[in-house]
Amino acid sequence: MVELLVVIAIIAVLAALVLPVLSRAKAQAQSATCKNNLKQIGLTLTMYLSDARRYPPMLDRETDQTWAERLNPDAPFSWTNGSWQCPAYMTHNGIVEHLNTPQQIFLTSYSYNANGIVGDVRPSLKNPHLGLGWLPKSAVSELEVRAPSEMFTVADARTVPAAPGDARLVGYLDMTPYFLAWNETAPLHGLGYNILFADGHVALERRSDYLFPPRTASNWNRDNQPHPEAWAPTNQWVIQN
């Protein structure tokens, strides 16, 4: 009996040592797959640009077509396919769907930089069009992106609970540097988010930089300028210092 207890104790100790290693390895594999997905999106975006000469708009209200759907003809998968999504998002019960509502809400693991650093795009305010474009009329040309190697284009969605107490993750189709009315969940890849830049490279951006306007505001904007006049009030910033 004593020998059996000793064996069980040894197995428990070994399991405690091995499980964190396996967990880290799984997380690294998911992050690597996510980066590869973003690189594929970047290649598809390049093919789209070669034909259209403009970035896809976030949404075409006449056709209800999103930026991701515009890439479908050249993409290996449709945006609704699980293989198109970040695996960490999917394993955390992320939602992928189009809610056919008046607001036309699309839920996915990757989001698009349509508005740049703009903190408030209410119809009563003039949108300076710092991002890649919300509607077809505001979609920017390839030449309007002044520093492609520094501009955010597509990122892991900043996800929020679908409803209070709901463990599923909802990824909105548009990127935003502020949480506004929603609470942010933890990043899916440790300390930050995987980001596709306009030149096609992908990097992990630390959350403390990505969501703090004084450090990365210029990365959000097509002219590579910070535009502090377009920032949201500081009480809406996720990172305060």
C-alpha atoms as a PDB file:
ATOM      1  CA  MET A   1       0.000   0.000   0.000  1.00  0.00           C
ATOM      2  CA  VAL A   2       2.800   2.386   0.905  1.00  0.00           C
ATOM      3  CA  GLU A   3       4.584   1.646  -2.363  1.00  0.00           C
ATOM      4  CA  LEU A   4       1.376   2.290  -4.305  1.00  0.00           C
ATOM      5  CA  LEU A   5       0.900   5.645  -2.575  1.00  0.00           C
ATOM      6  CA  VAL A   6       4.504   6.587  -3.362  1.00  0.00           C
ATOM      7  CA  VAL A   7       3.995   5.727  -7.058  1.00  0.00           C
ATOM      8  CA  ILE A   8       0.782   7.769  -7.168  1.00  0.00           C
ATOM      9  CA  ALA A   9       2.554  10.702  -5.545  1.00  0.00           C
ATOM     10  CA  ILE A  10       5.400  10.518  -8.071  1.00  0.00           C
ATOM     11  CA  ILE A  11       2.920  10.416 -10.964  1.00  0.00           C
ATOM     12  CA  ALA A  12       1.105  13.438  -9.520  1.00  0.00           C
ATOM     13  CA  VAL A  13       4.375  15.394  -9.254  1.00  0.00           C
ATOM     14  CA  LEU A  14       5.367  14.493 -12.818  1.00  0.00           C
ATOM     15  CA  ALA A  15       1.940  15.489 -14.105  1.00  0.00           C
ATOM     16  CA  ALA A  16       2.213  18.832 -12.323  1.00  0.00           C
ATOM     17  CA  LEU A  17       5.554  19.424 -14.047  1.00  0.00           C
ATOM     18  CA  VAL A  18       4.504  18.253 -17.512  1.00  0.00           C
ATOM     19  CA  LEU A  19       1.049  19.841 -17.852  1.00  0.00           C
ATOM     20  CA  PRO A  20       2.262  23.488 -17.799  1.00  0.00           C
ATOM     21  CA  VAL A  21       4.850  22.632 -20.451  1.00  0.00           C
ATOM     22  CA  LEU A  22       2.189  21.025 -22.637  1.00  0.00           C
ATOM     23  CA  SER A  23      -0.095  24.006 -22.091  1.00  0.00           C
ATOM     24  CA  ARG A  24       2.631  26.445 -23.177  1.00  0.00           C
ATOM     25  CA  ALA A  25       3.446  24.312 -26.207  1.00  0.00           C
ATOM     26  CA  LYS A  26      -0.223  24.281 -27.208  1.00  0.00           C
ATOM     27  CA  ALA A  27      -0.463  28.062 -26.806  1.00  0.00           C
ATOM     28  CA  GLN A  28       2.659  28.580 -28.922  1.00  0.00           C
ATOM     29  CA  ALA A  29       1.296  26.286 -31.629  1.00  0.00           C
ATOM     30  CA  GLN A  30      -2.006  28.181 -31.674  1.00  0.00           C
ATOM     31  CA  SER A  31      -0.215  31.513 -31.916  1.00  0.00           C
ATOM     32  CA  ALA A  32       1.954  30.202 -34.772  1.00  0.00           C
ATOM     33  CA  THR A  33      -1.133  28.987 -36.642  1.00  0.00           C
ATOM     34  CA  CYS A  34      -2.827  32.335 -36.060  1.00  0.00           C
ATOM     35  CA  LYS A  35       0.180  34.181 -37.479  1.00  0.00           C
ATOM     36  CA  ASN A  36       0.148  31.911 -40.519  1.00  0.00           C
ATOM     37  CA  ASN A  37      -3.568  32.658 -41.011  1.00  0.00           C
ATOM     38  CA  LEU A  38      -2.839  36.375 -40.882  1.00  0.00           C
ATOM     39  CA  LYS A  39      -0.003  35.999 -43.395  1.00  0.00           C
ATOM     40  CA  GLN A  40      -2.416  34.221 -45.742  1.00  0.00           C
ATOM     41  CA  ILE A  41      -4.901  37.052 -45.268  1.00  0.00           C
ATOM     42  CA  GLY A  42      -2.074  39.463 -46.070  1.00  0.00           C
ATOM     43  CA  LEU A  43      -1.260  37.620 -49.325  1.00  0.00           C
ATOM     44  CA  THR A  44      -4.930  37.617 -50.281  1.00  0.00           C
ATOM     45  CA  LEU A  45      -5.164  41.309 -49.470  1.00  0.00           C
ATOM     46  CA  THR A  46      -2.185  41.952 -51.766  1.00  0.00           C
ATOM     47  CA  MET A  47      -3.937  40.131 -54.610  1.00  0.00           C
ATOM     48  CA  TYR A  48      -7.082  42.164 -53.993  1.00  0.00           C
ATOM     49  CA  LEU A  49      -5.081  45.403 -54.064  1.00  0.00           C
ATOM     50  CA  SER A  50      -3.424  44.472 -57.353  1.00  0.00           C
ATOM     51  CA  ASP A  51      -6.870  44.336 -58.958  1.00  0.00           C
ATOM     52  CA  ALA A  52      -8.899  46.940 -57.085  1.00  0.00           C
ATOM     53  CA  ARG A  53      -6.094  49.419 -56.277  1.00  0.00           C
ATOM     54  CA  ARG A  54      -7.987  50.162 -53.077  1.00  0.00           C
ATOM     55  CA  TYR A  55      -8.340  48.409 -49.769  1.00  0.00           C
ATOM     56  CA  PRO A  56     -11.656  46.625 -49.242  1.00  0.00           C
ATOM     57  CA  PRO A  57     -14.148  48.666 -47.217  1.00  0.00           C
ATOM     58  CA  MET A  58     -15.253  47.334 -43.867  1.00  0.00           C
ATOM     59  CA  LEU A  59     -18.813  46.962 -45.128  1.00  0.00           C
ATOM     60  CA  ASP A  60     -20.751  47.616 -48.312  1.00  0.00           C
ATOM     61  CA  ARG A  61     -24.251  48.406 -47.080  1.00  0.00           C
ATOM     62  CA  GLU A  62     -25.790  47.832 -50.495  1.00  0.00           C
ATOM     63  CA  THR A  63     -24.608  44.226 -50.658  1.00  0.00           C
ATOM     64  CA  ASP A  64     -23.941  43.561 -46.947  1.00  0.00           C
ATOM     65  CA  GLN A  65     -20.496  42.412 -48.086  1.00  0.00           C
ATOM     66  CA  THR A  66     -17.683  42.725 -45.552  1.00  0.00           C
ATOM     67  CA  TRP A  67     -13.963  43.227 -46.085  1.00  0.00           C
ATOM     68  CA  ALA A  68     -13.439  39.505 -45.454  1.00  0.00           C
ATOM     69  CA  GLU A  69     -16.051  38.507 -48.019  1.00  0.00           C
ATOM     70  CA  ARG A  70     -14.374  40.742 -50.598  1.00  0.00           C
ATOM     71  CA  LEU A  71     -11.274  38.579 -50.184  1.00  0.00           C
ATOM     72  CA  ASN A  72     -13.154  35.290 -50.634  1.00  0.00           C
ATOM     73  CA  PRO A  73     -12.462  34.862 -54.384  1.00  0.00           C
ATOM     74  CA  ASP A  74      -8.691  34.828 -53.709  1.00  0.00           C
ATOM     75  CA  ALA A  75      -8.728  33.323 -50.207  1.00  0.00           C
ATOM     76  CA  PRO A  76      -8.225  29.598 -49.517  1.00  0.00           C
ATOM     77  CA  PHE A  77     -11.227  29.666 -47.137  1.00  0.00           C
ATOM     78  CA  SER A  78     -14.339  31.711 -46.625  1.00  0.00           C
ATOM     79  CA  TRP A  79     -14.320  33.837 -43.450  1.00  0.00           C
ATOM     80  CA  THR A  80     -17.036  31.571 -42.020  1.00  0.00           C
ATOM     81  CA  ASN A  81     -14.748  28.531 -42.244  1.00  0.00           C
ATOM     82  CA  GLY A  82     -13.159  27.433 -38.962  1.00  0.00           C
ATOM     83  CA  SER A  83      -9.771  27.099 -40.667  1.00  0.00           C
ATOM     84  CA  TRP A  84      -9.837  30.855 -41.369  1.00  0.00           C
ATOM     85  CA  GLN A  85     -10.096  31.634 -37.660  1.00  0.00           C
ATOM     86  CA  CYS A  86      -7.545  31.916 -34.859  1.00  0.00           C
ATOM     87  CA  PRO A  87      -7.413  28.461 -33.208  1.00  0.00           C
ATOM     88  CA  ALA A  88      -7.188  29.993 -29.725  1.00  0.00           C
ATOM     89  CA  TYR A  89     -10.399  31.885 -30.406  1.00  0.00           C
ATOM     90  CA  MET A  90     -12.139  28.710 -31.551  1.00  0.00           C
ATOM     91  CA  THR A  91     -10.992  26.604 -28.599  1.00  0.00           C
ATOM     92  CA  HIS A  92     -12.347  29.296 -26.261  1.00  0.00           C
ATOM     93  CA  ASN A  93     -15.813  28.907 -27.851  1.00  0.00           C
ATOM     94  CA  GLY A  94     -15.466  31.882 -30.153  1.00  0.00           C
ATOM     95  CA  ILE A  95     -18.439  32.758 -32.322  1.00  0.00           C
ATOM     96  CA  VAL A  96     -18.309  32.934 -36.123  1.00  0.00           C
ATOM     97  CA  GLU A  97     -21.543  34.142 -37.679  1.00  0.00           C
ATOM     98  CA  HIS A  98     -23.415  36.913 -39.428  1.00  0.00           C
ATOM     99  CA  LEU A  99     -26.296  38.249 -37.377  1.00  0.00           C
ATOM    100  CA  ASN A 100     -28.831  39.409 -39.942  1.00  0.00           C
ATOM    101  CA  THR A 101     -30.004  42.416 -37.994  1.00  0.00           C
ATOM    102  CA  PRO A 102     -30.462  46.064 -38.973  1.00  0.00           C
ATOM    103  CA  GLN A 103     -26.946  46.651 -37.635  1.00  0.00           C
ATOM    104  CA  GLN A 104     -25.519  43.795 -39.768  1.00  0.00           C
ATOM    105  CA  ILE A 105     -23.224  42.426 -37.057  1.00  0.00           C
ATOM    106  CA  PHE A 106     -20.480  40.043 -38.133  1.00  0.00           C
ATOM    107  CA  LEU A 107     -18.601  37.956 -35.574  1.00  0.00           C
ATOM    108  CA  THR A 108     -15.175  36.518 -36.333  1.00  0.00           C
ATOM    109  CA  SER A 109     -11.725  36.044 -34.800  1.00  0.00           C
ATOM    110  CA  TYR A 110     -10.046  38.656 -37.011  1.00  0.00           C
ATOM    111  CA  SER A 111     -10.882  42.336 -37.164  1.00  0.00           C
ATOM    112  CA  TYR A 112     -10.130  45.122 -39.627  1.00  0.00           C
ATOM    113  CA  ASN A 113      -8.685  48.594 -39.091  1.00  0.00           C
ATOM    114  CA  ALA A 114     -11.415  50.601 -40.799  1.00  0.00           C
ATOM    115  CA  ASN A 115     -11.356  53.818 -38.735  1.00  0.00           C
ATOM    116  CA  GLY A 116      -7.808  54.193 -37.433  1.00  0.00           C
ATOM    117  CA  ILE A 117      -7.312  55.813 -34.045  1.00  0.00           C
ATOM    118  CA  VAL A 118     -10.670  57.628 -34.220  1.00  0.00           C
ATOM    119  CA  GLY A 119     -12.315  57.573 -30.811  1.00  0.00           C
ATOM    120  CA  ASP A 120     -15.831  58.583 -31.800  1.00  0.00           C
ATOM    121  CA  VAL A 121     -17.444  58.047 -35.200  1.00  0.00           C
ATOM    122  CA  ARG A 122     -20.974  59.209 -34.432  1.00  0.00           C
ATOM    123  CA  PRO A 123     -22.794  60.535 -37.507  1.00  0.00           C
ATOM    124  CA  SER A 124     -22.837  63.995 -35.935  1.00  0.00           C
ATOM    125  CA  LEU A 125     -19.026  64.130 -36.048  1.00  0.00           C
ATOM    126  CA  LYS A 126     -16.881  64.283 -39.148  1.00  0.00           C
ATOM    127  CA  ASN A 127     -14.846  61.113 -39.565  1.00  0.00           C
ATOM    128  CA  PRO A 128     -11.260  62.016 -40.561  1.00  0.00           C
ATOM    129  CA  HIS A 129     -10.944  58.648 -42.387  1.00  0.00           C
ATOM    130  CA  LEU A 130      -7.660  57.638 -40.819  1.00  0.00           C
ATOM    131  CA  GLY A 131      -8.095  53.883 -41.278  1.00  0.00           C
ATOM    132  CA  LEU A 132      -8.544  51.703 -44.347  1.00  0.00           C
ATOM    133  CA  GLY A 133     -12.165  52.699 -44.857  1.00  0.00           C
ATOM    134  CA  TRP A 134     -15.554  51.887 -43.374  1.00  0.00           C
ATOM    135  CA  LEU A 135     -17.677  52.229 -46.537  1.00  0.00           C
ATOM    136  CA  PRO A 136     -16.774  51.926 -50.254  1.00  0.00           C
ATOM    137  CA  LYS A 137     -16.595  55.700 -50.672  1.00  0.00           C
ATOM    138  CA  SER A 138     -13.987  55.947 -47.899  1.00  0.00           C
ATOM    139  CA  ALA A 139     -11.833  52.947 -48.918  1.00  0.00           C
ATOM    140  CA  VAL A 140      -8.251  54.196 -49.264  1.00  0.00           C
ATOM    141  CA  SER A 141      -5.898  53.500 -52.136  1.00  0.00           C
ATOM    142  CA  GLU A 142      -2.679  51.562 -51.688  1.00  0.00           C
ATOM    143  CA  LEU A 143      -0.654  54.756 -52.136  1.00  0.00           C
ATOM    144  CA  GLU A 144      -2.541  56.514 -49.316  1.00  0.00           C
ATOM    145  CA  VAL A 145      -0.928  54.224 -46.743  1.00  0.00           C
ATOM    146  CA  ARG A 146       2.259  56.198 -46.080  1.00  0.00           C
ATOM    147  CA  ALA A 147       4.164  53.619 -43.987  1.00  0.00           C
ATOM    148  CA  PRO A 148       2.939  50.095 -44.871  1.00  0.00           C
ATOM    149  CA  SER A 149       5.481  48.400 -42.600  1.00  0.00           C
ATOM    150  CA  GLU A 150       4.064  50.269 -39.596  1.00  0.00           C
ATOM    151  CA  MET A 151       0.303  50.321 -40.204  1.00  0.00           C
ATOM    152  CA  PHE A 152      -2.047  47.886 -38.468  1.00  0.00           C
ATOM    153  CA  THR A 153      -4.499  46.278 -40.907  1.00  0.00           C
ATOM    154  CA  VAL A 154      -5.922  43.058 -39.415  1.00  0.00           C
ATOM    155  CA  ALA A 155      -5.683  41.781 -35.856  1.00  0.00           C
ATOM    156  CA  ASP A 156      -6.915  39.192 -33.408  1.00  0.00           C
ATOM    157  CA  ALA A 157     -10.285  40.568 -32.399  1.00  0.00           C
ATOM    158  CA  ARG A 158     -10.474  42.210 -28.997  1.00  0.00           C
ATOM    159  CA  THR A 159     -13.149  39.880 -27.719  1.00  0.00           C
ATOM    160  CA  VAL A 160     -15.969  40.447 -25.254  1.00  0.00           C
ATOM    161  CA  PRO A 161     -18.498  38.137 -23.578  1.00  0.00           C
ATOM    162  CA  ALA A 162     -21.582  37.600 -25.730  1.00  0.00           C
ATOM    163  CA  ALA A 163     -23.729  38.417 -22.711  1.00  0.00           C
ATOM    164  CA  PRO A 164     -23.138  38.916 -18.976  1.00  0.00           C
ATOM    165  CA  GLY A 165     -21.877  35.624 -17.622  1.00  0.00           C
ATOM    166  CA  ASP A 166     -21.530  34.089 -21.095  1.00  0.00           C
ATOM    167  CA  ALA A 167     -18.205  32.263 -21.465  1.00  0.00           C
ATOM    168  CA  ARG A 168     -18.233  32.385 -25.282  1.00  0.00           C
ATOM    169  CA  LEU A 169     -16.137  34.954 -27.114  1.00  0.00           C
ATOM    170  CA  VAL A 170     -17.450  37.440 -29.635  1.00  0.00           C
ATOM    171  CA  GLY A 171     -15.050  38.992 -32.135  1.00  0.00           C
ATOM    172  CA  TYR A 172     -16.355  42.100 -33.857  1.00  0.00           C
ATOM    173  CA  LEU A 173     -15.323  42.712 -37.440  1.00  0.00           C
ATOM    174  CA  ASP A 174     -13.810  46.136 -36.740  1.00  0.00           C
ATOM    175  CA  MET A 175     -10.723  46.967 -34.691  1.00  0.00           C
ATOM    176  CA  THR A 176     -10.949  49.625 -31.996  1.00  0.00           C
ATOM    177  CA  PRO A 177      -8.275  50.928 -29.619  1.00  0.00           C
ATOM    178  CA  TYR A 178     -10.903  51.617 -26.925  1.00  0.00           C
ATOM    179  CA  PHE A 179     -13.317  49.368 -25.077  1.00  0.00           C
ATOM    180  CA  LEU A 180     -16.158  51.907 -25.144  1.00  0.00           C
ATOM    181  CA  ALA A 181     -19.255  50.181 -23.722  1.00  0.00           C
ATOM    182  CA  TRP A 182     -17.746  46.698 -23.570  1.00  0.00           C
ATOM    183  CA  ASN A 183     -15.329  44.992 -21.223  1.00  0.00           C
ATOM    184  CA  GLU A 184     -12.228  43.458 -22.735  1.00  0.00           C
ATOM    185  CA  THR A 185     -11.267  39.839 -22.121  1.00  0.00           C
ATOM    186  CA  ALA A 186      -7.653  38.728 -21.866  1.00  0.00           C
ATOM    187  CA  PRO A 187      -5.673  38.509 -25.144  1.00  0.00           C
ATOM    188  CA  LEU A 188      -5.692  35.056 -26.701  1.00  0.00           C
ATOM    189  CA  HIS A 189      -1.898  34.978 -27.049  1.00  0.00           C
ATOM    190  CA  GLY A 190      -0.358  35.830 -23.714  1.00  0.00           C
ATOM    191  CA  LEU A 191       0.666  39.466 -23.403  1.00  0.00           C
ATOM    192  CA  GLY A 192      -0.583  40.738 -26.730  1.00  0.00           C
ATOM    193  CA  TYR A 193      -2.274  40.399 -30.106  1.00  0.00           C
ATOM    194  CA  ASN A 194      -1.096  39.058 -33.439  1.00  0.00           C
ATOM    195  CA  ILE A 195      -1.214  41.908 -35.963  1.00  0.00           C
ATOM    196  CA  LEU A 196      -0.994  41.927 -39.767  1.00  0.00           C
ATOM    197  CA  PHE A 197       0.706  45.070 -41.073  1.00  0.00           C
ATOM    198  CA  ALA A 198       0.054  46.664 -44.456  1.00  0.00           C
ATOM    199  CA  ASP A 199       3.355  45.400 -45.897  1.00  0.00           C
ATOM    200  CA  GLY A 200       2.319  41.794 -45.175  1.00  0.00           C
ATOM    201  CA  HIS A 201       4.439  40.998 -42.120  1.00  0.00           C
ATOM    202  CA  VAL A 202       2.861  39.729 -38.892  1.00  0.00           C
ATOM    203  CA  ALA A 203       4.027  40.481 -35.368  1.00  0.00           C
ATOM    204  CA  LEU A 204       2.834  40.058 -31.811  1.00  0.00           C
ATOM    205  CA  GLU A 205       2.104  43.519 -30.414  1.00  0.00           C
ATOM    206  CA  ARG A 206       2.123  43.890 -26.656  1.00  0.00           C
ATOM    207  CA  ARG A 207      -1.271  44.843 -25.283  1.00  0.00           C
ATOM    208  CA  SER A 208       0.366  47.612 -23.227  1.00  0.00           C
ATOM    209  CA  ASP A 209       1.566  49.249 -26.473  1.00  0.00           C
ATOM    210  CA  TYR A 210      -1.234  48.349 -28.863  1.00  0.00           C
ATOM    211  CA  LEU A 211      -3.990  49.882 -26.714  1.00  0.00           C
ATOM    212  CA  PHE A 212      -2.122  52.947 -25.445  1.00  0.00           C
ATOM    213  CA  PRO A 213      -2.508  55.800 -27.988  1.00  0.00           C
ATOM    214  CA  PRO A 214       0.669  57.737 -27.061  1.00  0.00           C
ATOM    215  CA  ARG A 215       2.734  54.698 -28.055  1.00  0.00           C
ATOM    216  CA  THR A 216       0.976  53.350 -31.153  1.00  0.00           C
ATOM    217  CA  ALA A 217      -1.521  55.935 -32.441  1.00  0.00           C
ATOM    218  CA  SER A 218       0.477  56.470 -35.643  1.00  0.00           C
ATOM    219  CA  ASN A 219       0.349  52.718 -36.365  1.00  0.00           C
ATOM    220  CA  TRP A 220      -3.430  52.922 -36.584  1.00  0.00           C
ATOM    221  CA  ASN A 221      -3.478  55.727 -39.167  1.00  0.00           C
ATOM    222  CA  ARG A 222      -2.868  55.593 -42.914  1.00  0.00           C
ATOM    223  CA  ASP A 223      -0.788  58.798 -42.863  1.00  0.00           C
ATOM    224  CA  ASN A 224       1.411  57.439 -40.039  1.00  0.00           C
ATOM    225  CA  GLN A 225       0.602  60.453 -37.836  1.00  0.00           C
ATOM    226  CA  PRO A 226      -0.747  60.172 -34.251  1.00  0.00           C
ATOM    227  CA  HIS A 227      -3.695  62.597 -34.648  1.00  0.00           C
ATOM    228  CA  PRO A 228      -4.285  63.206 -30.915  1.00  0.00           C
ATOM    229  CA  GLU A 229      -7.305  65.349 -31.838  1.00  0.00           C
ATOM    230  CA  ALA A 230      -9.059  62.103 -32.855  1.00  0.00           C
ATOM    231  CA  TRP A 231      -8.318  60.192 -29.646  1.00  0.00           C
ATOM    232  CA  ALA A 232     -11.105  59.118 -27.342  1.00  0.00           C
ATOM    233  CA  PRO A 233     -11.243  60.636 -23.837  1.00  0.00           C
ATOM    234  CA  THR A 234      -8.593  59.120 -21.575  1.00  0.00           C
ATOM    235  CA  ASN A 235     -11.228  57.461 -19.386  1.00  0.00           C
ATOM    236  CA  GLN A 236     -12.012  55.208 -22.351  1.00  0.00           C
ATOM    237  CA  TRP A 237      -8.425  54.036 -22.764  1.00  0.00           C
ATOM    238  CA  VAL A 238      -7.840  50.411 -21.855  1.00  0.00           C
ATOM    239  CA  ILE A 239      -4.228  51.184 -20.870  1.00  0.00           C
ATOM    240  CA  GLN A 240      -3.783  54.287 -18.760  1.00  0.00           C
ATOM    241  CA  ASN A 241       0.029  54.546 -18.560  1.00  0.00           C
END
